Amino acid sequence: LFGPRVYDYCLFIFTHGSSLPPADLTYTEHRSRCVQASLEVANKFAAGAGGQLFPSAVIENSKSCPVDSSTGSPILPDGSDFLPRLHRAMETVLLSQHGLPSLVPKRKRPWWESWVLGGVALWIVTFGL
């Protein structure tokens, strides 16, 4: 239906990343097993696409997700910040094949900087320089 290149644009996002593992596994082992099993099935299904590996990211989309107090970023139970991983996976799918510039920011901006820049851009568009 979408042609042979549909697999070039696939990205696996695993939600509920902060779900508790079974009693006999650590969080990291449980997450690795779930991701690996899902990607193995997907890679078998996509064998016609050369058996390529799909980029993936584990995220937590719950409001009860813990937040790193120093950066304000949501974190998984193992203490990792999942947003940079998600950005890298999206970049792999969307940009690396087309030679476009990176979407991953080079530095951490203060939370208010985007609002100020957006306000200045809106002012310029509305009233001119």
Foldseek 3Di string as FASTA:
>chain_A
DPDLCPQLQDEAEAEPLQDADPPVDHSVVRVVVVVVVVQVVVLVVSVVSVSDGAHYFYYYDDPPFDADPVQRAGAHPVGDRGVVSVQVNNCSRPPPVPPDDGPDDPDDDPPCPVVVVVVVVVCCVVPND
